[in-house]
């Protein structure tokens, strides 16, 4: 997860576009020729895209952009600490 990437994705893409991109990447991973290294990269991309979608949701619910990004980062860091 890279918060600057999530912020960039959030600012420059709609929630719908991000969700469609996740769907395409998930479909891509189902092909039998995908190598482990490629799967790692795709996983990182999907993580950042899903983070941007979640930040979009927080903003849609009235949270400021900066607060939403920081809240998401704290949530992720909190789940890692467990």
PDB file of N, CA and C in Angstrom:
ATOM      1  N   UNK A   1       0.839  -1.170   0.000  1.00  0.00           N
ATOM      2  CA  UNK A   1       0.000   0.000   0.000  1.00  0.00           C
ATOM      3  C   UNK A   1       0.885   1.234   0.000  1.00  0.00           C
ATOM      4  N   UNK A   2       0.596   2.136  -0.916  1.00  0.00           N
ATOM      5  CA  UNK A   2       1.339   3.391  -1.002  1.00  0.00           C
ATOM      6  C   UNK A   2       0.340   4.534  -0.984  1.00  0.00           C
ATOM      7  N   UNK A   3       0.319   5.255   0.124  1.00  0.00           N
ATOM      8  CA  UNK A   3      -0.664   6.325   0.307  1.00  0.00           C
ATOM      9  C   UNK A   3      -0.573   7.405  -0.779  1.00  0.00           C
ATOM     10  N   UNK A   4       0.625   7.822  -1.208  1.00  0.00           N
ATOM     11  CA  UNK A   4       0.669   8.816  -2.296  1.00  0.00           C
ATOM     12  C   UNK A   4       0.027   8.301  -3.588  1.00  0.00           C
ATOM     13  N   UNK A   5       0.186   7.030  -3.873  1.00  0.00           N
ATOM     14  CA  UNK A   5      -0.439   6.438  -5.065  1.00  0.00           C
ATOM     15  C   UNK A   5      -1.953   6.417  -4.896  1.00  0.00           C
ATOM     16  N   UNK A   6      -2.416   6.046  -3.712  1.00  0.00           N
ATOM     17  CA  UNK A   6      -3.854   6.015  -3.440  1.00  0.00           C
ATOM     18  C   UNK A   6      -4.453   7.415  -3.591  1.00  0.00           C
ATOM     19  N   UNK A   7      -3.778   8.415  -3.081  1.00  0.00           N
ATOM     20  CA  UNK A   7      -4.265   9.795  -3.219  1.00  0.00           C
ATOM     21  C   UNK A   7      -4.340  10.199  -4.690  1.00  0.00           C
ATOM     22  N   UNK A   8      -3.296   9.848  -5.442  1.00  0.00           N
ATOM     23  CA  UNK A   8      -3.259  10.171  -6.871  1.00  0.00           C
ATOM     24  C   UNK A   8      -4.413   9.489  -7.612  1.00  0.00           C
ATOM     25  N   UNK A   9      -4.594   8.198  -7.354  1.00  0.00           N
ATOM     26  CA  UNK A   9      -5.682   7.460  -8.000  1.00  0.00           C
ATOM     27  C   UNK A   9      -7.036   8.062  -7.644  1.00  0.00           C
ATOM     28  N   UNK A  10      -7.195   8.426  -6.390  1.00  0.00           N
ATOM     29  CA  UNK A  10      -8.450   8.997  -5.909  1.00  0.00           C
ATOM     30  C   UNK A  10      -8.753  10.320  -6.611  1.00  0.00           C
ATOM     31  N   UNK A  11      -7.748  11.171  -6.757  1.00  0.00           N
ATOM     32  CA  UNK A  11      -7.951  12.488  -7.357  1.00  0.00           C
ATOM     33  C   UNK A  11      -8.240  12.415  -8.852  1.00  0.00           C
ATOM     34  N   UNK A  12      -7.665  11.434  -9.536  1.00  0.00           N
ATOM     35  CA  UNK A  12      -7.699  11.425 -10.990  1.00  0.00           C
ATOM     36  C   UNK A  12      -8.648  10.403 -11.612  1.00  0.00           C
ATOM     37  N   UNK A  13      -9.396   9.677 -10.787  1.00  0.00           N
ATOM     38  CA  UNK A  13     -10.281   8.646 -11.311  1.00  0.00           C
ATOM     39  C   UNK A  13     -11.571   8.582 -10.510  1.00  0.00           C
ATOM     40  N   UNK A  14     -12.635   8.221 -11.198  1.00  0.00           N
ATOM     41  CA  UNK A  14     -13.906   8.024 -10.505  1.00  0.00           C
ATOM     42  C   UNK A  14     -13.882   6.667  -9.795  1.00  0.00           C
ATOM     43  N   UNK A  15     -14.780   6.519  -8.850  1.00  0.00           N
ATOM     44  CA  UNK A  15     -14.895   5.258  -8.127  1.00  0.00           C
ATOM     45  C   UNK A  15     -15.256   4.129  -9.092  1.00  0.00           C
ATOM     46  N   UNK A  16     -16.083   4.424 -10.052  1.00  0.00           N
ATOM     47  CA  UNK A  16     -16.506   3.418 -11.031  1.00  0.00           C
ATOM     48  C   UNK A  16     -15.337   2.944 -11.896  1.00  0.00           C
ATOM     49  N   UNK A  17     -14.499   3.882 -12.316  1.00  0.00           N
ATOM     50  CA  UNK A  17     -13.329   3.530 -13.121  1.00  0.00           C
ATOM     51  C   UNK A  17     -12.371   2.654 -12.319  1.00  0.00           C
ATOM     52  N   UNK A  18     -12.169   2.997 -11.065  1.00  0.00           N
ATOM     53  CA  UNK A  18     -11.291   2.205 -10.208  1.00  0.00           C
ATOM     54  C   UNK A  18     -11.836   0.792 -10.028  1.00  0.00           C
ATOM     55  N   UNK A  19     -13.138   0.683  -9.808  1.00  0.00           N
ATOM     56  CA  UNK A  19     -13.756  -0.631  -9.616  1.00  0.00           C
ATOM     57  C   UNK A  19     -13.647  -1.480 -10.882  1.00  0.00           C
ATOM     58  N   UNK A  20     -13.827  -0.873 -12.038  1.00  0.00           N
ATOM     59  CA  UNK A  20     -13.693  -1.610 -13.298  1.00  0.00           C
ATOM     60  C   UNK A  20     -12.266  -2.086 -13.502  1.00  0.00           C
ATOM     61  N   UNK A  21     -11.318  -1.269 -13.130  1.00  0.00           N
ATOM     62  CA  UNK A  21      -9.913  -1.645 -13.256  1.00  0.00           C
ATOM     63  C   UNK A  21      -9.592  -2.836 -12.363  1.00  0.00           C
ATOM     64  N   UNK A  22     -10.124  -2.836 -11.153  1.00  0.00           N
ATOM     65  CA  UNK A  22      -9.933  -3.970 -10.246  1.00  0.00           C
ATOM     66  C   UNK A  22     -10.501  -5.236 -10.880  1.00  0.00           C
ATOM     67  N   UNK A  23     -11.679  -5.136 -11.462  1.00  0.00           N
ATOM     68  CA  UNK A  23     -12.294  -6.300 -12.111  1.00  0.00           C
ATOM     69  C   UNK A  23     -11.416  -6.848 -13.236  1.00  0.00           C
ATOM     70  N   UNK A  24     -10.859  -5.963 -14.049  1.00  0.00           N
ATOM     71  CA  UNK A  24      -9.994  -6.399 -15.147  1.00  0.00           C
ATOM     72  C   UNK A  24      -8.742  -7.086 -14.603  1.00  0.00           C
ATOM     73  N   UNK A  25      -8.130  -6.500 -13.595  1.00  0.00           N
ATOM     74  CA  UNK A  25      -6.928  -7.104 -13.021  1.00  0.00           C
ATOM     75  C   UNK A  25      -7.230  -8.456 -12.377  1.00  0.00           C
ATOM     76  N   UNK A  26      -8.353  -8.564 -11.689  1.00  0.00           N
ATOM     77  CA  UNK A  26      -8.731  -9.848 -11.095  1.00  0.00           C
ATOM     78  C   UNK A  26      -8.933 -10.903 -12.177  1.00  0.00           C
ATOM     79  N   UNK A  27      -9.551 -10.513 -13.280  1.00  0.00           N
ATOM     80  CA  UNK A  27      -9.743 -11.441 -14.392  1.00  0.00           C
ATOM     81  C   UNK A  27      -8.394 -11.863 -14.972  1.00  0.00           C
ATOM     82  N   UNK A  28      -7.491 -10.912 -15.091  1.00  0.00           N
ATOM     83  CA  UNK A  28      -6.150 -11.178 -15.620  1.00  0.00           C
ATOM     84  C   UNK A  28      -5.423 -12.224 -14.779  1.00  0.00           C
ATOM     85  N   UNK A  29      -5.606 -12.159 -13.469  1.00  0.00           N
ATOM     86  CA  UNK A  29      -4.897 -13.088 -12.576  1.00  0.00           C
ATOM     87  C   UNK A  29      -5.381 -14.520 -12.720  1.00  0.00           C
ATOM     88  N   UNK A  30      -6.540 -14.696 -13.305  1.00  0.00           N
ATOM     89  CA  UNK A  30      -7.094 -16.042 -13.442  1.00  0.00           C
ATOM     90  C   UNK A  30      -6.492 -16.831 -14.601  1.00  0.00           C
ATOM     91  N   UNK A  31      -5.720 -16.163 -15.437  1.00  0.00           N
ATOM     92  CA  UNK A  31      -5.120 -16.873 -16.568  1.00  0.00           C
ATOM     93  C   UNK A  31      -3.957 -17.731 -16.080  1.00  0.00           C
ATOM     94  N   UNK A  32      -3.839 -18.897 -16.629  1.00  0.00           N
ATOM     95  CA  UNK A  32      -2.850 -19.879 -16.155  1.00  0.00           C
ATOM     96  C   UNK A  32      -1.397 -19.494 -16.428  1.00  0.00           C
ATOM     97  N   UNK A  33      -1.151 -18.563 -17.338  1.00  0.00           N
ATOM     98  CA  UNK A  33       0.231 -18.218 -17.663  1.00  0.00           C
ATOM     99  C   UNK A  33       0.830 -17.129 -16.770  1.00  0.00           C
ATOM    100  N   UNK A  34       0.071 -16.620 -15.824  1.00  0.00           N
ATOM    101  CA  UNK A  34       0.565 -15.557 -14.946  1.00  0.00           C
ATOM    102  C   UNK A  34       1.597 -16.128 -13.973  1.00  0.00           C
ATOM    103  N   UNK A  35       2.746 -15.471 -13.937  1.00  0.00           N
ATOM    104  CA  UNK A  35       3.842 -15.902 -13.058  1.00  0.00           C
ATOM    105  C   UNK A  35       3.682 -15.281 -11.669  1.00  0.00           C
ATOM    106  N   UNK A  36       4.372 -15.859 -10.718  1.00  0.00           N
ATOM    107  CA  UNK A  36       4.299 -15.406  -9.324  1.00  0.00           C
ATOM    108  C   UNK A  36       4.702 -13.938  -9.178  1.00  0.00           C
ATOM    109  N   UNK A  37       5.760 -13.528  -9.869  1.00  0.00           N
ATOM    110  CA  UNK A  37       6.214 -12.131  -9.782  1.00  0.00           C
ATOM    111  C   UNK A  37       5.144 -11.184 -10.322  1.00  0.00           C
ATOM    112  N   UNK A  38       4.494 -11.590 -11.406  1.00  0.00           N
ATOM    113  CA  UNK A  38       3.428 -10.772 -11.970  1.00  0.00           C
ATOM    114  C   UNK A  38       2.247 -10.699 -11.005  1.00  0.00           C
ATOM    115  N   UNK A  39       1.964 -11.801 -10.371  1.00  0.00           N
ATOM    116  CA  UNK A  39       0.870 -11.848  -9.407  1.00  0.00           C
ATOM    117  C   UNK A  39       1.139 -10.896  -8.238  1.00  0.00           C
ATOM    118  N   UNK A  40       2.385 -10.813  -7.795  1.00  0.00           N
ATOM    119  CA  UNK A  40       2.739  -9.884  -6.717  1.00  0.00           C
ATOM    120  C   UNK A  40       2.492  -8.435  -7.121  1.00  0.00           C
ATOM    121  N   UNK A  41       2.887  -8.092  -8.343  1.00  0.00           N
ATOM    122  CA  UNK A  41       2.689  -6.725  -8.837  1.00  0.00           C
ATOM    123  C   UNK A  41       1.201  -6.418  -8.959  1.00  0.00           C
ATOM    124  N   UNK A  42       0.451  -7.349  -9.516  1.00  0.00           N
ATOM    125  CA  UNK A  42      -0.990  -7.154  -9.666  1.00  0.00           C
ATOM    126  C   UNK A  42      -1.654  -7.013  -8.300  1.00  0.00           C
ATOM    127  N   UNK A  43      -1.209  -7.798  -7.330  1.00  0.00           N
ATOM    128  CA  UNK A  43      -1.746  -7.696  -5.974  1.00  0.00           C
ATOM    129  C   UNK A  43      -1.513  -6.325  -5.377  1.00  0.00           C
ATOM    130  N   UNK A  44      -0.346  -5.769  -5.596  1.00  0.00           N
ATOM    131  CA  UNK A  44      -0.037  -4.423  -5.100  1.00  0.00           C
ATOM    132  C   UNK A  44      -0.922  -3.386  -5.789  1.00  0.00           C
ATOM    133  N   UNK A  45      -1.112  -3.544  -7.090  1.00  0.00           N
ATOM    134  CA  UNK A  45      -1.983  -2.628  -7.825  1.00  0.00           C
ATOM    135  C   UNK A  45      -3.412  -2.692  -7.309  1.00  0.00           C
ATOM    136  N   UNK A  46      -3.910  -3.891  -7.119  1.00  0.00           N
ATOM    137  CA  UNK A  46      -5.278  -4.062  -6.625  1.00  0.00           C
ATOM    138  C   UNK A  46      -5.427  -3.464  -5.225  1.00  0.00           C
ATOM    139  N   UNK A  47      -4.428  -3.643  -4.392  1.00  0.00           N
ATOM    140  CA  UNK A  47      -4.465  -3.075  -3.040  1.00  0.00           C
ATOM    141  C   UNK A  47      -4.593  -1.557  -3.092  1.00  0.00           C
ATOM    142  N   UNK A  48      -3.800  -0.919  -3.943  1.00  0.00           N
ATOM    143  CA  UNK A  48      -3.857   0.536  -4.059  1.00  0.00           C
ATOM    144  C   UNK A  48      -5.175   1.005  -4.660  1.00  0.00           C
ATOM    145  N   UNK A  49      -5.678   0.279  -5.641  1.00  0.00           N
ATOM    146  CA  UNK A  49      -6.961   0.635  -6.246  1.00  0.00           C
ATOM    147  C   UNK A  49      -8.100   0.511  -5.239  1.00  0.00           C
ATOM    148  N   UNK A  50      -8.106  -0.573  -4.480  1.00  0.00           N
ATOM    149  CA  UNK A  50      -9.157  -0.761  -3.465  1.00  0.00           C
ATOM    150  C   UNK A  50      -9.051   0.302  -2.373  1.00  0.00           C
ATOM    151  N   UNK A  51      -7.831   0.680  -2.041  1.00  0.00           N
ATOM    152  CA  UNK A  51      -7.642   1.761  -1.074  1.00  0.00           C
ATOM    153  C   UNK A  51      -8.226   3.066  -1.592  1.00  0.00           C
ATOM    154  N   UNK A  52      -8.017   3.350  -2.872  1.00  0.00           N
ATOM    155  CA  UNK A  52      -8.570   4.575  -3.467  1.00  0.00           C
ATOM    156  C   UNK A  52     -10.094   4.534  -3.473  1.00  0.00           C
ATOM    157  N   UNK A  53     -10.659   3.361  -3.718  1.00  0.00           N
ATOM    158  CA  UNK A  53     -12.115   3.226  -3.684  1.00  0.00           C
ATOM    159  C   UNK A  53     -12.634   3.488  -2.276  1.00  0.00           C
ATOM    160  N   UNK A  54     -11.951   2.949  -1.289  1.00  0.00           N
ATOM    161  CA  UNK A  54     -12.386   3.158   0.095  1.00  0.00           C
ATOM    162  C   UNK A  54     -12.273   4.631   0.502  1.00  0.00           C
ATOM    163  N   UNK A  55     -11.211   5.300   0.067  1.00  0.00           N
ATOM    164  CA  UNK A  55     -11.060   6.726   0.350  1.00  0.00           C
ATOM    165  C   UNK A  55     -12.182   7.506  -0.341  1.00  0.00           C
ATOM    166  N   UNK A  56     -12.519   7.131  -1.573  1.00  0.00           N
ATOM    167  CA  UNK A  56     -13.653   7.755  -2.275  1.00  0.00           C
ATOM    168  C   UNK A  56     -14.921   7.636  -1.433  1.00  0.00           C
ATOM    169  N   UNK A  57     -15.160   6.437  -0.898  1.00  0.00           N
ATOM    170  CA  UNK A  57     -16.354   6.213  -0.085  1.00  0.00           C
ATOM    171  C   UNK A  57     -16.381   7.124   1.140  1.00  0.00           C
ATOM    172  N   UNK A  58     -15.241   7.265   1.791  1.00  0.00           N
ATOM    173  CA  UNK A  58     -15.176   8.130   2.975  1.00  0.00           C
ATOM    174  C   UNK A  58     -15.453   9.579   2.610  1.00  0.00           C
ATOM    175  N   UNK A  59     -14.926  10.016   1.476  1.00  0.00           N
ATOM    176  CA  UNK A  59     -15.152  11.392   1.023  1.00  0.00           C
ATOM    177  C   UNK A  59     -16.626  11.581   0.678  1.00  0.00           C
ATOM    178  N   UNK A  60     -17.209  10.581   0.014  1.00  0.00           N
ATOM    179  CA  UNK A  60     -18.640  10.646  -0.324  1.00  0.00           C
ATOM    180  C   UNK A  60     -19.514  10.744   0.924  1.00  0.00           C
ATOM    181  N   UNK A  61     -19.023  10.214   2.038  1.00  0.00           N
ATOM    182  CA  UNK A  61     -19.764  10.268   3.304  1.00  0.00           C
ATOM    183  C   UNK A  61     -19.451  11.519   4.110  1.00  0.00           C
ATOM    184  N   UNK A  62     -18.766  12.496   3.493  1.00  0.00           N
ATOM    185  CA  UNK A  62     -18.564  13.789   4.125  1.00  0.00           C
ATOM    186  C   UNK A  62     -17.201  14.044   4.745  1.00  0.00           C
ATOM    187  N   UNK A  63     -16.290  13.100   4.669  1.00  0.00           N
ATOM    188  CA  UNK A  63     -14.969  13.289   5.258  1.00  0.00           C
ATOM    189  C   UNK A  63     -14.093  14.103   4.299  1.00  0.00           C
ATOM    190  N   UNK A  64     -13.241  14.930   4.846  1.00  0.00           N
ATOM    191  CA  UNK A  64     -12.279  15.677   4.030  1.00  0.00           C
ATOM    192  C   UNK A  64     -11.288  14.706   3.393  1.00  0.00           C
ATOM    193  N   UNK A  65     -10.776  15.072   2.212  1.00  0.00           N
ATOM    194  CA  UNK A  65      -9.879  14.182   1.471  1.00  0.00           C
ATOM    195  C   UNK A  65      -8.655  13.770   2.293  1.00  0.00           C
ATOM    196  N   UNK A  66      -8.018  14.730   2.911  1.00  0.00           N
ATOM    197  CA  UNK A  66      -6.820  14.429   3.700  1.00  0.00           C
ATOM    198  C   UNK A  66      -7.150  13.515   4.879  1.00  0.00           C
ATOM    199  N   UNK A  67      -8.243  13.824   5.570  1.00  0.00           N
ATOM    200  CA  UNK A  67      -8.661  13.010   6.709  1.00  0.00           C
ATOM    201  C   UNK A  67      -9.019  11.593   6.275  1.00  0.00           C
ATOM    202  N   UNK A  68      -9.661  11.468   5.112  1.00  0.00           N
ATOM    203  CA  UNK A  68     -10.039  10.150   4.612  1.00  0.00           C
ATOM    204  C   UNK A  68      -8.799   9.314   4.305  1.00  0.00           C
ATOM    205  N   UNK A  69      -7.812   9.913   3.660  1.00  0.00           N
ATOM    206  CA  UNK A  69      -6.577   9.193   3.334  1.00  0.00           C
ATOM    207  C   UNK A  69      -5.837   8.780   4.607  1.00  0.00           C
ATOM    208  N   UNK A  70      -5.758   9.687   5.565  1.00  0.00           N
ATOM    209  CA  UNK A  70      -5.075   9.367   6.821  1.00  0.00           C
ATOM    210  C   UNK A  70      -5.829   8.307   7.616  1.00  0.00           C
ATOM    211  N   UNK A  71      -7.142   8.383   7.608  1.00  0.00           N
ATOM    212  CA  UNK A  71      -7.958   7.393   8.301  1.00  0.00           C
ATOM    213  C   UNK A  71      -7.769   6.012   7.687  1.00  0.00           C
ATOM    214  N   UNK A  72      -7.727   5.958   6.362  1.00  0.00           N
ATOM    215  CA  UNK A  72      -7.507   4.686   5.684  1.00  0.00           C
ATOM    216  C   UNK A  72      -6.130   4.120   6.045  1.00  0.00           C
ATOM    217  N   UNK A  73      -5.105   4.975   6.037  1.00  0.00           N
ATOM    218  CA  UNK A  73      -3.754   4.513   6.370  1.00  0.00           C
ATOM    219  C   UNK A  73      -3.696   3.983   7.798  1.00  0.00           C
ATOM    220  N   UNK A  74      -4.345   4.665   8.740  1.00  0.00           N
ATOM    221  CA  UNK A  74      -4.369   4.197  10.124  1.00  0.00           C
ATOM    222  C   UNK A  74      -5.093   2.864  10.246  1.00  0.00           C
ATOM    223  N   UNK A  75      -6.186   2.714   9.495  1.00  0.00           N
ATOM    224  CA  UNK A  75      -6.937   1.477   9.511  1.00  0.00           C
ATOM    225  C   UNK A  75      -6.076   0.310   9.029  1.00  0.00           C
ATOM    226  N   UNK A  76      -5.353   0.519   7.953  1.00  0.00           N
ATOM    227  CA  UNK A  76      -4.484  -0.532   7.408  1.00  0.00           C
ATOM    228  C   UNK A  76      -3.359  -0.838   8.377  1.00  0.00           C
ATOM    229  N   UNK A  77      -2.740   0.185   8.914  1.00  0.00           N
ATOM    230  CA  UNK A  77      -1.622  -0.023   9.847  1.00  0.00           C
ATOM    231  C   UNK A  77      -2.128  -0.727  11.115  1.00  0.00           C
ATOM    232  N   UNK A  78      -3.330  -0.395  11.551  1.00  0.00           N
ATOM    233  CA  UNK A  78      -3.910  -1.045  12.716  1.00  0.00           C
ATOM    234  C   UNK A  78      -4.168  -2.530  12.481  1.00  0.00           C
ATOM    235  N   UNK A  79      -4.564  -2.872  11.257  1.00  0.00           N
ATOM    236  CA  UNK A  79      -4.820  -4.289  10.978  1.00  0.00           C
ATOM    237  C   UNK A  79      -3.517  -5.062  10.838  1.00  0.00           C
ATOM    238  N   UNK A  80      -2.458  -4.396  10.436  1.00  0.00           N
ATOM    239  CA  UNK A  80      -1.150  -5.055  10.331  1.00  0.00           C
ATOM    240  C   UNK A  80      -0.581  -5.330  11.706  1.00  0.00           C
ATOM    241  N   UNK A  81      -0.828  -4.428  12.656  1.00  0.00           N
ATOM    242  CA  UNK A  81      -0.292  -4.577  14.009  1.00  0.00           C
ATOM    243  C   UNK A  81      -0.915  -5.740  14.773  1.00  0.00           C
ATOM    244  N   UNK A  82      -2.062  -6.207  14.331  1.00  0.00           N
ATOM    245  CA  UNK A  82      -2.769  -7.258  15.061  1.00  0.00           C
ATOM    246  C   UNK A  82      -2.102  -8.567  14.960  1.00  0.00           C
TER     247      UNK A  82
END
